[in-house]
């Protein structure tokens, strides 16, 4: 039996606001790849092309916007992080950095 999704997850799926976040993450992965960064280097990136930092900033802003919107609607945002991390892991396989 599949675990039921939290109201916050149902909300971001039904409104499709998660799609832009995942598109931004895909773009970040492409920029990381273009910049020659490897998966093992991502835990501590000190130098990267400007496009990587720009993509990273846009991704962080979108995530914060989604969290604020979920909270504004009175929903518990505690399930967002794990849900998004799982989706990001799927994208990591889609766009590997090796």
C-alpha atoms as a PDB file:
ATOM      1  CA  UNK A   1       0.000   0.000   0.000  1.00  0.00           C
ATOM      2  CA  UNK A   2       1.368   3.392  -1.009  1.00  0.00           C
ATOM      3  CA  UNK A   3       1.823   6.027   1.680  1.00  0.00           C
ATOM      4  CA  UNK A   4      -0.644   8.898   1.412  1.00  0.00           C
ATOM      5  CA  UNK A   5       0.863  12.231   0.449  1.00  0.00           C
ATOM      6  CA  UNK A   6       0.738  15.156   2.849  1.00  0.00           C
ATOM      7  CA  UNK A   7      -1.614  18.045   2.014  1.00  0.00           C
ATOM      8  CA  UNK A   8       1.415  20.242   1.244  1.00  0.00           C
ATOM      9  CA  UNK A   9       2.728  17.747  -1.321  1.00  0.00           C
ATOM     10  CA  UNK A  10      -0.725  17.359  -2.864  1.00  0.00           C
ATOM     11  CA  UNK A  11      -0.929  21.159  -3.066  1.00  0.00           C
ATOM     12  CA  UNK A  12       2.386  21.672  -4.876  1.00  0.00           C
ATOM     13  CA  UNK A  13       1.594  18.784  -7.237  1.00  0.00           C
ATOM     14  CA  UNK A  14      -1.926  19.948  -8.069  1.00  0.00           C
ATOM     15  CA  UNK A  15      -0.848  23.555  -8.632  1.00  0.00           C
ATOM     16  CA  UNK A  16       2.185  22.356 -10.595  1.00  0.00           C
ATOM     17  CA  UNK A  17       4.452  24.856  -8.796  1.00  0.00           C
ATOM     18  CA  UNK A  18       6.904  22.025  -8.244  1.00  0.00           C
ATOM     19  CA  UNK A  19       7.551  21.809 -11.996  1.00  0.00           C
ATOM     20  CA  UNK A  20       9.480  25.080 -12.143  1.00  0.00           C
ATOM     21  CA  UNK A  21      11.590  23.997  -9.166  1.00  0.00           C
ATOM     22  CA  UNK A  22      12.485  20.730 -10.878  1.00  0.00           C
ATOM     23  CA  UNK A  23      13.230  22.537 -14.147  1.00  0.00           C
ATOM     24  CA  UNK A  24      15.549  24.891 -12.257  1.00  0.00           C
ATOM     25  CA  UNK A  25      17.285  21.909 -10.660  1.00  0.00           C
ATOM     26  CA  UNK A  26      17.739  20.286 -14.068  1.00  0.00           C
ATOM     27  CA  UNK A  27      19.264  23.535 -15.317  1.00  0.00           C
ATOM     28  CA  UNK A  28      21.613  23.628 -12.318  1.00  0.00           C
ATOM     29  CA  UNK A  29      22.708  20.044 -13.029  1.00  0.00           C
ATOM     30  CA  UNK A  30      23.391  20.955 -16.670  1.00  0.00           C
ATOM     31  CA  UNK A  31      25.438  23.993 -15.616  1.00  0.00           C
ATOM     32  CA  UNK A  32      27.401  21.891 -13.115  1.00  0.00           C
ATOM     33  CA  UNK A  33      28.109  19.363 -15.846  1.00  0.00           C
ATOM     34  CA  UNK A  34      29.106  22.088 -18.308  1.00  0.00           C
ATOM     35  CA  UNK A  35      31.399  23.545 -15.629  1.00  0.00           C
ATOM     36  CA  UNK A  36      33.130  20.177 -15.260  1.00  0.00           C
ATOM     37  CA  UNK A  37      32.051  19.578 -11.660  1.00  0.00           C
ATOM     38  CA  UNK A  38      31.721  16.007 -10.432  1.00  0.00           C
ATOM     39  CA  UNK A  39      29.209  14.578  -7.969  1.00  0.00           C
ATOM     40  CA  UNK A  40      31.813  14.084  -5.240  1.00  0.00           C
ATOM     41  CA  UNK A  41      32.820  17.766  -5.468  1.00  0.00           C
ATOM     42  CA  UNK A  42      29.342  19.077  -4.702  1.00  0.00           C
ATOM     43  CA  UNK A  43      29.583  18.838  -0.916  1.00  0.00           C
ATOM     44  CA  UNK A  44      31.943  21.812  -0.870  1.00  0.00           C
ATOM     45  CA  UNK A  45      32.020  23.983  -3.987  1.00  0.00           C
ATOM     46  CA  UNK A  46      34.256  27.028  -3.647  1.00  0.00           C
ATOM     47  CA  UNK A  47      34.777  27.828  -7.305  1.00  0.00           C
ATOM     48  CA  UNK A  48      32.351  27.405 -10.167  1.00  0.00           C
ATOM     49  CA  UNK A  49      31.311  29.307 -13.279  1.00  0.00           C
ATOM     50  CA  UNK A  50      28.988  32.257 -12.701  1.00  0.00           C
ATOM     51  CA  UNK A  51      26.164  30.381 -14.431  1.00  0.00           C
ATOM     52  CA  UNK A  52      26.296  27.716 -11.701  1.00  0.00           C
ATOM     53  CA  UNK A  53      25.929  30.291  -8.927  1.00  0.00           C
ATOM     54  CA  UNK A  54      23.127  32.028 -10.826  1.00  0.00           C
ATOM     55  CA  UNK A  55      21.246  28.738 -11.317  1.00  0.00           C
ATOM     56  CA  UNK A  56      21.793  27.827  -7.667  1.00  0.00           C
ATOM     57  CA  UNK A  57      20.425  31.184  -6.501  1.00  0.00           C
ATOM     58  CA  UNK A  58      17.300  30.856  -8.644  1.00  0.00           C
ATOM     59  CA  UNK A  59      16.719  27.333  -7.310  1.00  0.00           C
ATOM     60  CA  UNK A  60      17.034  28.443  -3.671  1.00  0.00           C
ATOM     61  CA  UNK A  61      14.667  31.369  -4.232  1.00  0.00           C
ATOM     62  CA  UNK A  62      12.044  29.158  -5.859  1.00  0.00           C
ATOM     63  CA  UNK A  63      12.255  26.640  -3.007  1.00  0.00           C
ATOM     64  CA  UNK A  64      11.797  29.428  -0.441  1.00  0.00           C
ATOM     65  CA  UNK A  65       8.861  30.833  -2.441  1.00  0.00           C
ATOM     66  CA  UNK A  66       7.192  27.410  -2.463  1.00  0.00           C
ATOM     67  CA  UNK A  67       7.711  26.978   1.294  1.00  0.00           C
ATOM     68  CA  UNK A  68       6.249  30.424   1.980  1.00  0.00           C
ATOM     69  CA  UNK A  69       3.232  29.710  -0.218  1.00  0.00           C
ATOM     70  CA  UNK A  70       2.584  26.373   1.489  1.00  0.00           C
ATOM     71  CA  UNK A  71       2.792  28.042   4.915  1.00  0.00           C
ATOM     72  CA  UNK A  72       0.572  30.919   3.743  1.00  0.00           C
ATOM     73  CA  UNK A  73      -2.107  28.337   2.903  1.00  0.00           C
ATOM     74  CA  UNK A  74      -1.793  26.959   6.435  1.00  0.00           C
ATOM     75  CA  UNK A  75      -0.147  23.697   5.417  1.00  0.00           C
ATOM     76  CA  UNK A  76       2.652  21.867   7.207  1.00  0.00           C
ATOM     77  CA  UNK A  77       5.851  22.264   5.175  1.00  0.00           C
ATOM     78  CA  UNK A  78       7.816  19.564   7.046  1.00  0.00           C
ATOM     79  CA  UNK A  79       7.291  16.990   4.279  1.00  0.00           C
ATOM     80  CA  UNK A  80       8.527  19.256   1.484  1.00  0.00           C
ATOM     81  CA  UNK A  81      12.253  18.699   2.056  1.00  0.00           C
ATOM     82  CA  UNK A  82      12.216  14.882   1.898  1.00  0.00           C
ATOM     83  CA  UNK A  83       9.792  14.887  -1.043  1.00  0.00           C
ATOM     84  CA  UNK A  84      11.900  17.351  -3.036  1.00  0.00           C
ATOM     85  CA  UNK A  85      15.144  15.565  -2.145  1.00  0.00           C
ATOM     86  CA  UNK A  86      13.692  12.328  -3.559  1.00  0.00           C
ATOM     87  CA  UNK A  87      12.684  14.105  -6.757  1.00  0.00           C
ATOM     88  CA  UNK A  88      16.133  15.704  -6.997  1.00  0.00           C
ATOM     89  CA  UNK A  89      17.712  12.241  -6.639  1.00  0.00           C
ATOM     90  CA  UNK A  90      15.680  11.089  -9.645  1.00  0.00           C
ATOM     91  CA  UNK A  91      16.958  14.096 -11.615  1.00  0.00           C
ATOM     92  CA  UNK A  92      20.515  13.299 -10.496  1.00  0.00           C
ATOM     93  CA  UNK A  93      20.151   9.948 -12.284  1.00  0.00           C
ATOM     94  CA  UNK A  94      18.647  11.682 -15.306  1.00  0.00           C
ATOM     95  CA  UNK A  95      21.588  14.150 -15.494  1.00  0.00           C
ATOM     96  CA  UNK A  96      24.647  12.434 -13.997  1.00  0.00           C
ATOM     97  CA  UNK A  97      27.813  14.447 -13.399  1.00  0.00           C
ATOM     98  CA  UNK A  98      30.304  11.625 -13.932  1.00  0.00           C
END
